[in-house]
Amino acid sequence: MKKLLSVLIVLALAACSAGNQSEIERNREKWRDANISHYRFILNIGCFCVFSQDMPLVIEVRDGQVVSMEYQNGNPIDAGNREFFERFATIDRVFAEVDADLAGAADKIVVTYDQTYGFPAQVNIDYVKEAIDEELALTVSGFEALR
């Protein structure tokens, strides 16, 4: 009986993991099918970080490359912050962050996807459940396809 219960628990956990993976894959496919190579979006990075007061960023991307990135309020981005922001500066990079976190880089991740294009619109990441002040939230808004 214990063995059967163990097998059922393993199958249930696998189903949960597969559900998360299929959700991201479904939305990544929607994003790829949209075939948008030139776009602009607003990225808000929520964290206990020195740059928080300057958020959000306005980012323009063409053919997978960042064309421009600036604080919406006009303040200049220093090199150290820009390096951190580059991790999330394209929709594909936001997907890569979600992939890594779902694969175990974070203890907990909650993702809401854009209904039209499938990109991660809201990502809440808790890297270490027992730690304080290491959570990260990414919000993609104001998406605009530029052709």
C-alpha atoms as a PDB file:
ATOM      1  CA  MET A   1       0.000   0.000   0.000  1.00  0.00           C
ATOM      2  CA  LYS A   2       2.843   2.408   0.866  1.00  0.00           C
ATOM      3  CA  LYS A   3       4.498   1.651  -2.451  1.00  0.00           C
ATOM      4  CA  LEU A   4       1.277   2.406  -4.349  1.00  0.00           C
ATOM      5  CA  LEU A   5       0.847   5.649  -2.440  1.00  0.00           C
ATOM      6  CA  SER A   6       4.434   6.640  -3.243  1.00  0.00           C
ATOM      7  CA  VAL A   7       3.899   5.951  -6.940  1.00  0.00           C
ATOM      8  CA  LEU A   8       0.696   8.026  -6.951  1.00  0.00           C
ATOM      9  CA  ILE A   9       2.457  10.942  -5.247  1.00  0.00           C
ATOM     10  CA  VAL A  10       5.319  10.825  -7.763  1.00  0.00           C
ATOM     11  CA  LEU A  11       2.841  10.766 -10.669  1.00  0.00           C
ATOM     12  CA  ALA A  12       0.873  13.677  -9.207  1.00  0.00           C
ATOM     13  CA  LEU A  13       4.048  15.747  -8.779  1.00  0.00           C
ATOM     14  CA  ALA A  14       5.141  14.928 -12.310  1.00  0.00           C
ATOM     15  CA  ALA A  15       1.751  16.016 -13.624  1.00  0.00           C
ATOM     16  CA  CYS A  16       2.088  19.349 -11.808  1.00  0.00           C
ATOM     17  CA  SER A  17       5.533  19.924 -13.288  1.00  0.00           C
ATOM     18  CA  ALA A  18       4.362  18.924 -16.735  1.00  0.00           C
ATOM     19  CA  GLY A  19       1.436  21.336 -16.411  1.00  0.00           C
ATOM     20  CA  ASN A  20       3.771  24.254 -15.730  1.00  0.00           C
ATOM     21  CA  GLN A  21       6.055  23.251 -18.565  1.00  0.00           C
ATOM     22  CA  SER A  22       3.217  22.832 -21.035  1.00  0.00           C
ATOM     23  CA  GLU A  23       1.808  26.226 -20.053  1.00  0.00           C
ATOM     24  CA  ILE A  24       5.100  27.965 -20.780  1.00  0.00           C
ATOM     25  CA  GLU A  25       5.564  26.007 -24.000  1.00  0.00           C
ATOM     26  CA  ARG A  26       2.039  26.840 -25.157  1.00  0.00           C
ATOM     27  CA  ASN A  27       2.675  30.521 -24.542  1.00  0.00           C
ATOM     28  CA  ARG A  28       6.175  30.471 -26.063  1.00  0.00           C
ATOM     29  CA  GLU A  29       4.624  28.955 -29.199  1.00  0.00           C
ATOM     30  CA  LYS A  30       2.015  31.732 -29.242  1.00  0.00           C
ATOM     31  CA  TRP A  31       4.847  34.287 -28.979  1.00  0.00           C
ATOM     32  CA  ARG A  32       6.826  32.615 -31.801  1.00  0.00           C
ATOM     33  CA  ASP A  33       3.725  32.335 -33.997  1.00  0.00           C
ATOM     34  CA  ALA A  34       3.133  36.088 -33.639  1.00  0.00           C
ATOM     35  CA  ASN A  35       6.478  36.522 -35.437  1.00  0.00           C
ATOM     36  CA  ILE A  36       7.138  39.983 -34.014  1.00  0.00           C
ATOM     37  CA  SER A  37      10.744  40.999 -34.609  1.00  0.00           C
ATOM     38  CA  HIS A  38      10.502  44.696 -33.708  1.00  0.00           C
ATOM     39  CA  TYR A  39       8.724  45.780 -30.553  1.00  0.00           C
ATOM     40  CA  ARG A  40       8.717  48.109 -27.561  1.00  0.00           C
ATOM     41  CA  PHE A  41       7.596  47.380 -24.029  1.00  0.00           C
ATOM     42  CA  ILE A  42       7.668  48.743 -20.524  1.00  0.00           C
ATOM     43  CA  LEU A  43       9.484  46.605 -17.981  1.00  0.00           C
ATOM     44  CA  ASN A  44       9.062  47.115 -14.278  1.00  0.00           C
ATOM     45  CA  ILE A  45      11.513  45.233 -12.084  1.00  0.00           C
ATOM     46  CA  GLY A  46      10.261  45.037  -8.528  1.00  0.00           C
ATOM     47  CA  CYS A  47      12.845  44.153  -5.911  1.00  0.00           C
ATOM     48  CA  PHE A  48      14.712  45.533  -2.930  1.00  0.00           C
ATOM     49  CA  CYS A  49      17.218  47.233  -5.241  1.00  0.00           C
ATOM     50  CA  VAL A  50      18.868  50.653  -5.389  1.00  0.00           C
ATOM     51  CA  PHE A  51      17.293  51.423  -8.767  1.00  0.00           C
ATOM     52  CA  SER A  52      13.680  50.753  -7.724  1.00  0.00           C
ATOM     53  CA  GLN A  53      12.768  54.442  -7.544  1.00  0.00           C
ATOM     54  CA  ASP A  54      13.703  54.855 -11.240  1.00  0.00           C
ATOM     55  CA  MET A  55      11.510  52.048 -12.594  1.00  0.00           C
ATOM     56  CA  PRO A  56      10.047  51.322 -15.091  1.00  0.00           C
ATOM     57  CA  LEU A  57      12.266  50.875 -18.150  1.00  0.00           C
ATOM     58  CA  VAL A  58      11.216  51.482 -21.743  1.00  0.00           C
ATOM     59  CA  ILE A  59      12.902  48.935 -24.019  1.00  0.00           C
ATOM     60  CA  GLU A  60      12.911  48.649 -27.791  1.00  0.00           C
ATOM     61  CA  VAL A  61      14.016  45.411 -29.460  1.00  0.00           C
ATOM     62  CA  ARG A  62      14.660  44.618 -33.116  1.00  0.00           C
ATOM     63  CA  ASP A  63      15.646  41.171 -34.388  1.00  0.00           C
ATOM     64  CA  GLY A  64      16.425  39.978 -30.872  1.00  0.00           C
ATOM     65  CA  GLN A  65      18.792  42.877 -30.120  1.00  0.00           C
ATOM     66  CA  VAL A  66      18.162  45.726 -27.694  1.00  0.00           C
ATOM     67  CA  VAL A  67      17.914  48.941 -29.734  1.00  0.00           C
ATOM     68  CA  SER A  68      17.296  51.199 -26.748  1.00  0.00           C
ATOM     69  CA  MET A  69      16.757  50.926 -23.021  1.00  0.00           C
ATOM     70  CA  GLU A  70      16.026  53.857 -20.748  1.00  0.00           C
ATOM     71  CA  TYR A  71      14.278  54.701 -17.536  1.00  0.00           C
ATOM     72  CA  GLN A  72      10.828  56.037 -18.313  1.00  0.00           C
ATOM     73  CA  ASN A  73      11.547  59.038 -16.059  1.00  0.00           C
ATOM     74  CA  GLY A  74      14.578  60.025 -18.159  1.00  0.00           C
ATOM     75  CA  ASN A  75      17.262  59.303 -15.543  1.00  0.00           C
ATOM     76  CA  PRO A  76      20.422  57.768 -17.032  1.00  0.00           C
ATOM     77  CA  ILE A  77      21.106  54.049 -16.506  1.00  0.00           C
ATOM     78  CA  ASP A  78      24.505  53.333 -14.999  1.00  0.00           C
ATOM     79  CA  ALA A  79      26.578  50.453 -16.420  1.00  0.00           C
ATOM     80  CA  GLY A  80      26.120  48.146 -13.395  1.00  0.00           C
ATOM     81  CA  ASN A  81      22.347  48.394 -13.478  1.00  0.00           C
ATOM     82  CA  ARG A  82      22.263  48.070 -17.262  1.00  0.00           C
ATOM     83  CA  GLU A  83      24.136  44.767 -16.992  1.00  0.00           C
ATOM     84  CA  PHE A  84      21.474  43.466 -14.583  1.00  0.00           C
ATOM     85  CA  PHE A  85      18.621  44.775 -16.772  1.00  0.00           C
ATOM     86  CA  GLU A  86      20.041  43.018 -19.851  1.00  0.00           C
ATOM     87  CA  ARG A  87      18.926  39.699 -18.314  1.00  0.00           C
ATOM     88  CA  PHE A  88      15.305  40.724 -18.963  1.00  0.00           C
ATOM     89  CA  ALA A  89      15.669  43.148 -21.898  1.00  0.00           C
ATOM     90  CA  THR A  90      13.915  41.027 -24.545  1.00  0.00           C
ATOM     91  CA  ILE A  91      10.833  38.846 -24.427  1.00  0.00           C
ATOM     92  CA  ASP A  92      13.002  35.807 -25.191  1.00  0.00           C
ATOM     93  CA  ARG A  93      15.210  36.638 -22.195  1.00  0.00           C
ATOM     94  CA  VAL A  94      12.158  36.923 -19.944  1.00  0.00           C
ATOM     95  CA  PHE A  95      11.130  33.466 -21.178  1.00  0.00           C
ATOM     96  CA  ALA A  96      14.666  32.206 -20.409  1.00  0.00           C
ATOM     97  CA  GLU A  97      14.402  33.537 -16.842  1.00  0.00           C
ATOM     98  CA  VAL A  98      11.060  31.790 -16.397  1.00  0.00           C
ATOM     99  CA  ASP A  99      12.558  28.560 -17.807  1.00  0.00           C
ATOM    100  CA  ALA A 100      15.476  28.695 -15.371  1.00  0.00           C
ATOM    101  CA  ASP A 101      13.233  29.421 -12.408  1.00  0.00           C
ATOM    102  CA  LEU A 102      10.806  26.617 -13.303  1.00  0.00           C
ATOM    103  CA  ALA A 103      13.793  24.283 -13.648  1.00  0.00           C
ATOM    104  CA  GLY A 104      14.785  24.915 -10.049  1.00  0.00           C
ATOM    105  CA  ALA A 105      16.625  28.239  -9.890  1.00  0.00           C
ATOM    106  CA  ALA A 106      13.825  29.507  -7.633  1.00  0.00           C
ATOM    107  CA  ASP A 107      11.830  27.957  -4.821  1.00  0.00           C
ATOM    108  CA  LYS A 108       8.584  29.459  -6.134  1.00  0.00           C
ATOM    109  CA  ILE A 109       7.533  31.172  -9.345  1.00  0.00           C
ATOM    110  CA  VAL A 110       4.121  32.431 -10.430  1.00  0.00           C
ATOM    111  CA  VAL A 111       3.652  33.529 -14.036  1.00  0.00           C
ATOM    112  CA  THR A 112       0.773  35.205 -15.827  1.00  0.00           C
ATOM    113  CA  TYR A 113       0.959  35.268 -19.614  1.00  0.00           C
ATOM    114  CA  ASP A 114      -0.293  37.869 -22.082  1.00  0.00           C
ATOM    115  CA  GLN A 115      -3.503  36.569 -23.656  1.00  0.00           C
ATOM    116  CA  THR A 116      -2.771  37.973 -27.115  1.00  0.00           C
ATOM    117  CA  TYR A 117       0.941  37.263 -27.660  1.00  0.00           C
ATOM    118  CA  GLY A 118       1.765  34.744 -24.940  1.00  0.00           C
ATOM    119  CA  PHE A 119       4.755  36.517 -23.389  1.00  0.00           C
ATOM    120  CA  PRO A 120       5.178  36.456 -19.594  1.00  0.00           C
ATOM    121  CA  ALA A 121       3.317  39.584 -18.480  1.00  0.00           C
ATOM    122  CA  GLN A 122       3.738  39.148 -14.722  1.00  0.00           C
ATOM    123  CA  VAL A 123       6.456  37.032 -13.111  1.00  0.00           C
ATOM    124  CA  ASN A 124       6.821  36.716  -9.342  1.00  0.00           C
ATOM    125  CA  ILE A 125       9.945  34.873  -8.249  1.00  0.00           C
ATOM    126  CA  ASP A 126      10.862  33.774  -4.742  1.00  0.00           C
ATOM    127  CA  TYR A 127      14.403  32.454  -5.032  1.00  0.00           C
ATOM    128  CA  VAL A 128      14.688  31.278  -1.411  1.00  0.00           C
ATOM    129  CA  LYS A 129      11.415  30.707   0.424  1.00  0.00           C
ATOM    130  CA  GLU A 130      12.869  31.253   3.905  1.00  0.00           C
ATOM    131  CA  ALA A 131      14.858  34.380   2.950  1.00  0.00           C
ATOM    132  CA  ILE A 132      13.631  37.953   3.087  1.00  0.00           C
ATOM    133  CA  ASP A 133      14.210  40.646   0.448  1.00  0.00           C
ATOM    134  CA  GLU A 134      15.442  38.382  -2.384  1.00  0.00           C
ATOM    135  CA  GLU A 135      12.142  38.175  -4.249  1.00  0.00           C
ATOM    136  CA  LEU A 136      11.892  39.583  -7.751  1.00  0.00           C
ATOM    137  CA  ALA A 137       8.852  40.688  -9.739  1.00  0.00           C
ATOM    138  CA  LEU A 138       8.878  41.407 -13.464  1.00  0.00           C
ATOM    139  CA  THR A 139       5.973  43.188 -15.124  1.00  0.00           C
ATOM    140  CA  VAL A 140       5.846  43.562 -18.904  1.00  0.00           C
ATOM    141  CA  SER A 141       3.261  46.132 -19.984  1.00  0.00           C
ATOM    142  CA  GLY A 142       2.607  48.628 -22.741  1.00  0.00           C
ATOM    143  CA  PHE A 143       3.667  46.094 -25.365  1.00  0.00           C
ATOM    144  CA  GLU A 144       3.694  47.531 -28.874  1.00  0.00           C
ATOM    145  CA  ALA A 145       4.607  45.725 -32.088  1.00  0.00           C
ATOM    146  CA  LEU A 146       6.628  48.022 -34.345  1.00  0.00           C
ATOM    147  CA  ARG A 147       6.744  47.058 -37.994  1.00  0.00           C
END
